[in-house]
Amino acid sequence: MEKTVIKALNTLEFLAASAEPLGVTALSEALGLGKSNVHRMLTTLVAAGYVRSLGAGRYEATLRMWEYGTHVLMRNDVKRVAGPLLQKLVKATGETAHLSVLDGREVVYVDKIDGDHPVRAYSRIGARAPAHAVATGKALLAGQSDEFIRSYAADLDPEGFTGRTVTTPALLIKAMEEIRDKGVAFNTGEWREGVCGIASPIRDSTGKVVAAIGISGPADRLKPAALRKYSPAVVDAASQVSRALGFLQNPALR
């Protein structure tokens, strides 16, 4: 265990719980640490944006902890709200339904309900996949800033995962524009051979894309006609979750 990190977190938690700004002496006494030690941790926390100095040797926690906490809370809220819609998608399509969030360059499956078919796409909660090669990942990527997308595209692996994987920046950026315009993303065997999918972004009350919902299954069932057939159900599911999170539809955000 890294004791320095634990001490810094204890310092931050104590400041966050305090009703008023505190000085080095008060923190030192409360935490049982040397003043020089406390001062070094405060300097680091200020530099990282978690603590601010008010002058006269007083410090207080910033809202940075709260900002990150809201992301975790939002994930939990999204999962709770999306659960019934995942079940509805499975019932409507027979395919496995997923709820995903973006973590760096990957999507993380935070919830799933297996489809009804004996042969279906394999996945597990907590698993990761490259964002640009799966449907939910594409839907999430398209909701990010242009700067983020350009940076992501610049680091694409030119070899790809299958013969269908997008490997050039220009094609990925064009694909993101189309997804923004249509509100739906497709995976046609770009991550795993023979596995296809459909997904649509979920937005919070501010319009920010915070998750994506979609279905996946074998390519012999999710052929182009089936992808088109099930797209409205996927888009509608994402819209229902978004509305439940407080998003008011605005075409300009699509």
Protein backbone atom coordinates (compact mmCIF):
# COMPACT_ATOMS: atom_id res chain seq x y z
CA MET A 1 0.00 0.00 0.00
CA GLU A 2 1.31 3.46 -0.95
CA LYS A 3 1.13 5.35 2.36
CA THR A 4 1.75 8.76 0.80
CA VAL A 5 -1.31 8.39 -1.42
CA ILE A 6 -3.44 7.28 1.53
CA LYS A 7 -2.27 10.29 3.55
CA ALA A 8 -3.08 12.65 0.70
CA LEU A 9 -6.55 11.14 0.31
CA ASN A 10 -7.15 11.41 4.06
CA THR A 11 -6.15 15.06 3.90
CA LEU A 12 -8.49 15.70 1.00
CA GLU A 13 -11.38 13.89 2.69
CA PHE A 14 -10.87 15.84 5.91
CA LEU A 15 -10.87 19.14 4.06
CA ALA A 16 -13.96 18.15 2.09
CA ALA A 17 -15.84 17.30 5.29
CA SER A 18 -14.79 20.48 7.08
CA ALA A 19 -17.35 23.27 7.41
CA GLU A 20 -14.60 25.89 7.08
CA PRO A 21 -11.14 26.29 5.53
CA LEU A 22 -8.30 24.80 7.55
CA GLY A 23 -4.64 25.60 8.03
CA VAL A 24 -1.59 23.36 8.09
CA THR A 25 -1.48 23.29 11.90
CA ALA A 26 -5.10 22.21 12.27
CA LEU A 27 -4.69 19.50 9.63
CA SER A 28 -1.44 18.32 11.16
CA GLU A 29 -3.07 17.89 14.57
CA ALA A 30 -6.24 16.29 13.23
CA LEU A 31 -4.41 13.80 11.00
CA GLY A 32 -1.46 13.13 13.26
CA LEU A 33 1.04 14.15 10.60
CA GLY A 34 4.00 16.49 10.59
CA LYS A 35 3.42 20.02 9.36
CA SER A 36 6.00 19.71 6.59
CA ASN A 37 4.33 16.51 5.42
CA VAL A 38 0.91 18.14 5.38
CA HIS A 39 2.25 21.18 3.53
CA ARG A 40 3.78 18.99 0.79
CA MET A 41 0.50 17.13 0.30
CA LEU A 42 -1.48 20.36 0.19
CA THR A 43 0.89 21.78 -2.42
CA THR A 44 0.39 18.67 -4.56
CA LEU A 45 -3.39 18.73 -4.13
CA VAL A 46 -3.51 22.42 -5.06
CA ALA A 47 -1.46 21.73 -8.19
CA ALA A 48 -3.85 18.90 -9.12
CA GLY A 49 -6.89 21.13 -8.64
CA TYR A 50 -8.44 19.25 -5.72
CA VAL A 51 -7.62 21.93 -3.12
CA ARG A 52 -7.36 25.72 -3.30
CA SER A 53 -5.31 28.07 -1.17
CA LEU A 54 -7.26 30.98 0.28
CA GLY A 55 -4.24 32.83 1.56
CA ALA A 56 -3.19 33.34 5.16
CA GLY A 57 -2.30 29.65 5.30
CA ARG A 58 -5.89 28.42 4.86
CA TYR A 59 -7.04 25.74 2.45
CA GLU A 60 -10.33 24.25 1.28
CA ALA A 61 -11.41 21.45 -1.06
CA THR A 62 -12.57 22.41 -4.55
CA LEU A 63 -15.50 20.90 -6.45
CA ARG A 64 -13.21 18.56 -8.38
CA MET A 65 -14.12 15.60 -6.15
CA TRP A 66 -17.79 16.31 -6.73
CA GLU A 67 -17.29 16.55 -10.49
CA TYR A 68 -15.79 13.08 -10.67
CA GLY A 69 -18.33 11.75 -8.21
CA THR A 70 -21.14 12.84 -10.49
CA HIS A 71 -19.68 10.70 -13.29
CA VAL A 72 -19.86 7.64 -11.05
CA LEU A 73 -23.36 8.59 -9.92
CA MET A 74 -24.44 9.09 -13.52
CA ARG A 75 -23.23 5.62 -14.44
CA ASN A 76 -25.34 4.15 -11.66
CA ASP A 77 -28.36 6.23 -12.70
CA VAL A 78 -27.95 5.25 -16.34
CA LYS A 79 -27.74 1.57 -15.44
CA ARG A 80 -30.87 1.74 -13.31
CA VAL A 81 -32.88 3.62 -15.92
CA ALA A 82 -31.61 1.57 -18.87
CA GLY A 83 -32.34 -1.83 -17.32
CA PRO A 84 -35.97 -2.08 -18.47
CA LEU A 85 -35.03 -0.79 -21.92
CA LEU A 86 -32.38 -3.49 -22.30
CA GLN A 87 -35.05 -6.07 -21.55
CA LYS A 88 -37.37 -4.42 -24.05
CA LEU A 89 -34.71 -4.58 -26.76
CA VAL A 90 -34.08 -8.26 -26.13
CA LYS A 91 -37.80 -8.95 -26.36
CA ALA A 92 -38.11 -6.95 -29.59
CA THR A 93 -35.03 -8.32 -31.34
CA GLY A 94 -34.07 -11.58 -29.64
CA GLU A 95 -30.46 -10.37 -29.59
CA THR A 96 -28.14 -9.54 -26.68
CA ALA A 97 -28.52 -5.96 -25.44
CA HIS A 98 -25.67 -3.90 -23.98
CA LEU A 99 -25.17 -0.71 -22.02
CA SER A 100 -21.70 0.79 -22.41
CA VAL A 101 -19.67 3.78 -21.24
CA LEU A 102 -16.48 5.26 -22.64
CA ASP A 103 -13.20 4.92 -20.75
CA GLY A 104 -10.33 6.44 -22.69
CA ARG A 105 -10.12 4.67 -26.04
CA GLU A 106 -12.27 1.74 -24.92
CA VAL A 107 -15.86 1.01 -24.11
CA VAL A 108 -16.75 -0.82 -20.92
CA TYR A 109 -19.88 -2.95 -20.81
CA VAL A 110 -21.62 -1.92 -17.59
CA ASP A 111 -24.75 -3.99 -18.13
CA LYS A 112 -26.10 -6.61 -20.53
CA ILE A 113 -28.98 -9.00 -21.04
CA ASP A 114 -28.42 -12.08 -23.15
CA GLY A 115 -30.59 -12.69 -26.17
CA ASP A 116 -33.06 -15.53 -26.61
CA HIS A 117 -31.18 -17.39 -29.32
CA PRO A 118 -29.02 -20.39 -28.39
CA VAL A 119 -26.26 -18.97 -30.62
CA ARG A 120 -25.47 -15.38 -29.69
CA ALA A 121 -22.64 -12.86 -29.41
CA TYR A 122 -20.51 -13.49 -26.34
CA SER A 123 -19.75 -10.63 -23.96
CA ARG A 124 -19.56 -10.00 -20.23
CA ILE A 125 -20.17 -7.10 -17.88
CA GLY A 126 -16.89 -5.31 -17.19
CA ALA A 127 -15.34 -6.37 -20.49
CA ARG A 128 -13.72 -3.80 -22.75
CA ALA A 129 -13.56 -3.28 -26.50
CA PRO A 130 -11.91 -0.73 -28.80
CA ALA A 131 -14.36 2.12 -29.17
CA HIS A 132 -14.08 2.54 -32.94
CA ALA A 133 -14.73 -1.14 -33.68
CA VAL A 134 -18.03 -1.78 -31.86
CA ALA A 135 -21.42 -0.15 -32.24
CA THR A 136 -21.78 1.25 -28.72
CA GLY A 137 -18.21 2.54 -28.92
CA LYS A 138 -18.89 4.36 -32.16
CA ALA A 139 -22.03 5.92 -30.72
CA LEU A 140 -20.01 7.13 -27.73
CA LEU A 141 -17.11 8.39 -29.83
CA ALA A 142 -19.42 10.40 -32.06
CA GLY A 143 -20.63 12.26 -29.00
CA GLN A 144 -17.15 13.47 -28.04
CA SER A 145 -15.50 16.72 -29.07
CA ASP A 146 -13.98 17.13 -32.53
CA GLU A 147 -10.58 17.45 -30.88
CA PHE A 148 -10.99 14.14 -29.06
CA ILE A 149 -12.11 12.38 -32.22
CA ARG A 150 -9.18 13.74 -34.25
CA SER A 151 -6.75 12.65 -31.55
CA TYR A 152 -8.34 9.21 -31.41
CA ALA A 153 -8.27 8.87 -35.20
CA ALA A 154 -4.61 9.86 -35.37
CA ASP A 155 -3.68 6.82 -33.27
CA LEU A 156 -5.61 4.18 -35.19
CA ASP A 157 -3.88 0.86 -35.70
CA PRO A 158 -3.38 0.54 -39.48
CA GLU A 159 -3.77 -3.24 -39.27
CA GLY A 160 -7.21 -3.26 -37.67
CA PHE A 161 -8.90 -6.24 -36.02
CA THR A 162 -10.70 -7.66 -39.06
CA GLY A 163 -10.83 -6.77 -42.71
CA ARG A 164 -13.76 -4.47 -41.95
CA THR A 165 -12.16 -2.37 -39.21
CA VAL A 166 -11.80 1.34 -39.97
CA THR A 167 -8.06 2.04 -40.02
CA THR A 168 -7.70 5.50 -41.56
CA PRO A 169 -8.37 8.79 -39.74
CA ALA A 170 -10.37 10.33 -42.57
CA LEU A 171 -12.80 7.40 -42.75
CA LEU A 172 -13.29 7.37 -38.97
CA ILE A 173 -13.97 11.11 -38.83
CA LYS A 174 -16.48 10.75 -41.69
CA ALA A 175 -18.16 7.87 -39.89
CA MET A 176 -18.49 9.95 -36.74
CA GLU A 177 -20.19 12.72 -38.70
CA GLU A 178 -22.70 10.25 -40.12
CA ILE A 179 -23.45 8.81 -36.68
CA ARG A 180 -24.01 12.30 -35.28
CA ASP A 181 -26.38 13.03 -38.14
CA LYS A 182 -28.38 9.80 -37.92
CA GLY A 183 -28.16 9.05 -34.20
CA VAL A 184 -27.30 5.41 -34.78
CA ALA A 185 -24.06 3.45 -35.18
CA PHE A 186 -23.36 0.05 -36.75
CA ASN A 187 -20.71 -2.61 -36.31
CA THR A 188 -20.46 -4.95 -39.29
CA GLY A 189 -17.88 -7.41 -38.02
CA GLU A 190 -15.22 -4.79 -37.25
CA TRP A 191 -14.14 -6.12 -33.85
CA ARG A 192 -14.90 -9.81 -34.14
CA GLU A 193 -15.49 -11.65 -37.39
CA GLY A 194 -19.11 -12.56 -37.77
CA VAL A 195 -20.47 -10.32 -35.01
CA CYS A 196 -22.56 -7.26 -35.86
CA GLY A 197 -24.36 -4.65 -33.82
CA ILE A 198 -26.45 -1.49 -33.60
CA ALA A 199 -26.22 1.24 -30.97
CA SER A 200 -27.43 4.74 -30.16
CA PRO A 201 -26.09 7.36 -27.72
CA ILE A 202 -27.62 8.25 -24.37
CA ARG A 203 -27.48 11.87 -23.21
CA ASP A 204 -27.79 13.44 -19.79
CA SER A 205 -29.73 16.59 -18.92
CA THR A 206 -26.97 18.80 -20.36
CA GLY A 207 -26.96 17.01 -23.70
CA LYS A 208 -23.66 15.27 -23.03
CA VAL A 209 -23.30 11.71 -24.33
CA VAL A 210 -22.75 9.60 -21.21
CA ALA A 211 -23.49 6.07 -22.40
CA ALA A 212 -24.73 4.03 -25.32
CA ILE A 213 -27.28 1.26 -25.65
CA GLY A 214 -27.31 -1.35 -28.36
CA ILE A 215 -27.71 -4.93 -29.51
CA SER A 216 -25.28 -7.40 -31.01
CA GLY A 217 -25.48 -10.81 -32.58
CA PRO A 218 -24.16 -13.13 -35.28
CA ALA A 219 -23.79 -11.62 -38.72
CA ASP A 220 -25.95 -14.32 -40.28
CA ARG A 221 -28.91 -12.94 -38.30
CA LEU A 222 -27.98 -9.26 -38.20
CA LYS A 223 -27.69 -8.83 -41.94
CA PRO A 224 -28.13 -5.35 -43.46
CA ALA A 225 -31.91 -5.75 -43.65
CA ALA A 226 -32.09 -6.74 -39.97
CA LEU A 227 -29.81 -3.86 -38.97
CA ARG A 228 -32.19 -1.45 -40.68
CA LYS A 229 -35.23 -3.18 -39.19
CA TYR A 230 -34.01 -2.99 -35.58
CA SER A 231 -32.43 0.47 -35.74
CA PRO A 232 -35.62 2.37 -34.77
CA ALA A 233 -36.05 0.21 -31.65
CA VAL A 234 -32.45 0.87 -30.56
CA VAL A 235 -32.72 4.62 -31.20
CA ASP A 236 -36.03 4.75 -29.34
CA ALA A 237 -34.54 2.91 -26.35
CA ALA A 238 -31.66 5.38 -26.16
CA SER A 239 -34.09 8.30 -26.46
CA GLN A 240 -36.22 6.95 -23.61
CA VAL A 241 -33.20 6.62 -21.32
CA SER A 242 -32.03 10.10 -22.29
CA ARG A 243 -35.43 11.61 -21.50
CA ALA A 244 -35.46 9.83 -18.15
CA LEU A 245 -32.10 11.46 -17.40
CA GLY A 246 -33.56 14.89 -18.16
CA PHE A 247 -32.48 15.37 -21.77
CA LEU A 248 -34.85 17.47 -23.86
CA GLN A 249 -34.53 16.51 -27.51
CA ASN A 250 -32.62 19.07 -29.53
CA PRO A 251 -31.89 18.24 -33.17
CA ALA A 252 -28.82 20.48 -33.09
CA LEU A 253 -27.15 18.00 -30.71
CA ARG A 254 -27.56 15.05 -33.07
